[in-house]
Protein backbone atom coordinates (compact mmCIF):
# COMPACT_ATOMS: atom_id res chain seq x y z
CA MET A 1 123.17 55.99 123.30
CA ILE A 2 126.39 57.91 122.82
CA ARG A 3 125.80 60.84 120.39
CA ALA A 4 123.51 62.25 117.71
CA MET A 5 123.93 63.61 114.19
CA PRO A 6 121.09 65.89 113.05
CA VAL A 7 120.33 65.54 109.34
CA LEU A 8 119.63 68.87 107.65
CA GLN A 9 118.00 68.99 104.24
CA VAL A 10 119.89 71.46 102.03
CA SER A 11 119.52 72.79 98.50
CA ASP A 12 123.25 72.65 97.65
CA VAL A 13 125.52 70.23 99.51
CA THR A 14 128.71 71.87 98.23
CA ALA A 15 127.64 75.35 99.38
CA SER A 16 126.41 74.06 102.74
CA GLU A 17 129.58 72.05 103.31
CA ALA A 18 131.64 75.17 102.59
CA PHE A 19 129.55 77.25 105.05
CA TYR A 20 129.84 74.72 107.87
CA CYS A 21 133.59 74.31 107.30
CA ASP A 22 134.69 77.84 106.36
CA LYS A 23 132.33 79.83 108.60
CA LEU A 24 131.56 77.49 111.51
CA GLY A 25 134.88 75.64 111.78
CA PHE A 26 133.64 72.13 111.02
CA VAL A 27 135.73 69.56 109.13
CA SER A 28 134.22 67.58 106.26
CA HIS A 29 134.18 63.80 106.15
CA GLY A 30 133.60 64.15 102.41
CA THR A 31 130.63 64.08 100.09
CA TRP A 32 128.71 61.26 98.46
CA GLY A 33 126.62 61.02 95.31
CA ASP A 34 126.66 62.75 91.96
CA GLY A 35 125.11 66.03 93.14
CA PRO A 36 126.82 65.70 95.54
CA ASP A 37 123.85 64.39 97.48
CA PHE A 38 125.19 64.02 101.02
CA ALA A 39 127.99 65.21 103.29
CA ILE A 40 128.97 64.87 106.93
CA VAL A 41 130.72 67.68 108.80
CA GLN A 42 132.12 67.52 112.32
CA ARG A 43 133.54 69.88 114.94
CA GLY A 44 134.65 68.25 118.15
CA ARG A 45 132.05 65.59 118.95
CA VAL A 46 129.27 67.40 117.06
CA SER A 47 128.32 66.19 113.59
CA PHE A 48 125.75 67.33 111.05
CA ALA A 49 124.67 65.44 107.96
CA LEU A 50 123.82 67.60 104.95
CA ASP A 51 121.28 65.89 102.70
CA ARG A 52 120.41 67.40 99.29
CA SER A 53 116.74 68.07 98.67
CA ARG A 54 115.54 65.70 95.96
CA ASP A 55 112.63 67.81 94.72
CA GLU A 56 111.95 71.34 93.54
CA ALA A 57 110.09 72.41 96.68
CA ALA A 58 111.71 74.79 99.14
CA VAL A 59 113.94 73.14 101.74
CA PRO A 60 111.81 72.53 104.83
CA VAL A 61 113.02 74.19 108.01
CA ASN A 62 111.95 73.65 111.58
CA GLN A 63 109.55 76.01 113.27
CA TYR A 64 112.55 77.36 115.14
CA TRP A 65 115.74 75.45 116.04
CA ALA A 66 116.97 72.68 113.79
CA ALA A 67 119.57 71.84 116.46
CA TYR A 68 120.92 73.05 119.80
CA VAL A 69 124.65 72.58 120.28
CA TYR A 70 126.13 72.72 123.79
CA VAL A 71 129.55 74.38 123.82
CA GLU A 72 132.24 75.24 126.37
CA ASP A 73 132.07 79.02 125.90
CA ALA A 74 129.20 80.59 123.96
CA ASP A 75 130.74 84.07 124.22
CA ALA A 76 133.98 83.02 122.52
CA LEU A 77 132.15 81.04 119.85
CA CYS A 78 129.81 83.92 119.08
CA ARG A 79 132.83 86.23 118.62
CA GLU A 80 134.49 83.64 116.35
CA PHE A 81 131.38 83.30 114.19
CA ARG A 82 130.81 87.07 114.03
CA ASP A 83 134.44 87.58 112.95
CA LYS A 84 133.82 85.11 110.10
CA GLY A 85 130.70 86.96 108.94
CA VAL A 86 128.12 84.43 110.17
CA GLU A 87 124.59 85.83 110.47
CA ILE A 88 123.68 85.98 114.17
CA VAL A 89 119.88 85.97 114.23
CA ARG A 90 119.52 86.07 118.03
CA GLU A 91 122.21 87.79 120.01
CA LEU A 92 124.00 86.15 122.90
CA GLU A 93 121.85 86.18 126.03
CA ASP A 94 121.23 84.52 129.38
CA THR A 95 117.94 82.65 129.10
CA PHE A 96 115.12 81.69 131.45
CA TYR A 97 115.99 78.00 130.84
CA GLY A 98 119.45 78.34 132.33
CA SER A 99 121.67 78.69 129.28
CA ARG A 100 123.74 81.45 127.71
CA ASP A 101 123.20 81.07 124.00
CA PHE A 102 122.76 82.61 120.56
CA ASP A 103 121.34 81.55 117.20
CA ILE A 104 122.78 81.50 113.69
CA ARG A 105 121.09 80.86 110.34
CA ASP A 106 122.68 78.63 107.71
CA PRO A 107 122.35 79.19 103.93
CA ASP A 108 119.11 77.18 103.76
CA GLY A 109 117.45 78.97 106.67
CA HIS A 110 118.08 76.38 109.38
CA ILE A 111 118.45 78.08 112.75
CA ILE A 112 121.02 76.50 115.04
CA ALA A 113 121.55 77.53 118.67
CA PHE A 114 124.92 77.37 120.39
CA GLY A 115 125.11 77.75 124.14
CA HIS A 116 126.48 76.72 127.48
CA ASP A 117 124.75 76.02 130.79
CA LEU A 118 124.90 78.90 133.26
CA GLU A 119 125.10 76.47 136.18
CA PRO A 120 126.35 73.17 134.77
CA ASP A 121 125.25 70.05 136.59
CA ASP A 122 123.60 66.72 135.86
CA THR A 123 120.12 68.26 135.77
CA ALA A 124 120.81 71.02 133.22
CA PRO A 125 118.44 71.25 130.24
CA GLY A 126 118.84 68.17 128.07
CA LEU A 127 120.68 66.19 130.80
CA MET A 128 117.96 65.26 133.25
CA GLU A 129 118.19 61.77 134.69
CA ILE A 130 115.71 59.37 133.16
CA GLU A 131 114.91 55.87 134.22
């Protein structure tokens, strides 16, 4: 496997696309459907798909994180997001699991963590060797 693209259910693809691009620095691959119904945004090698909810129920959100994005410098990214008015729901901190990270909330309530490993190596969280 080479990469992943989390699919987030959203209430308004246009509004979500604007948030991810204008506030989080992603670039849009465009939208599809009449709603529009679907979009893909990308920053670096990280992509998210934004999929419009097809019913009247509230958009489902994960119990906590919808995604965890590993970055080069969590401190710099947190400053960038704060400067753009992004809601930081958990402040930047060093964690017991070996990362320095923070959480943001998107317009639909999805919480996304951004962080870097405090001691990067091949056994950092999410990179353990598997057979």
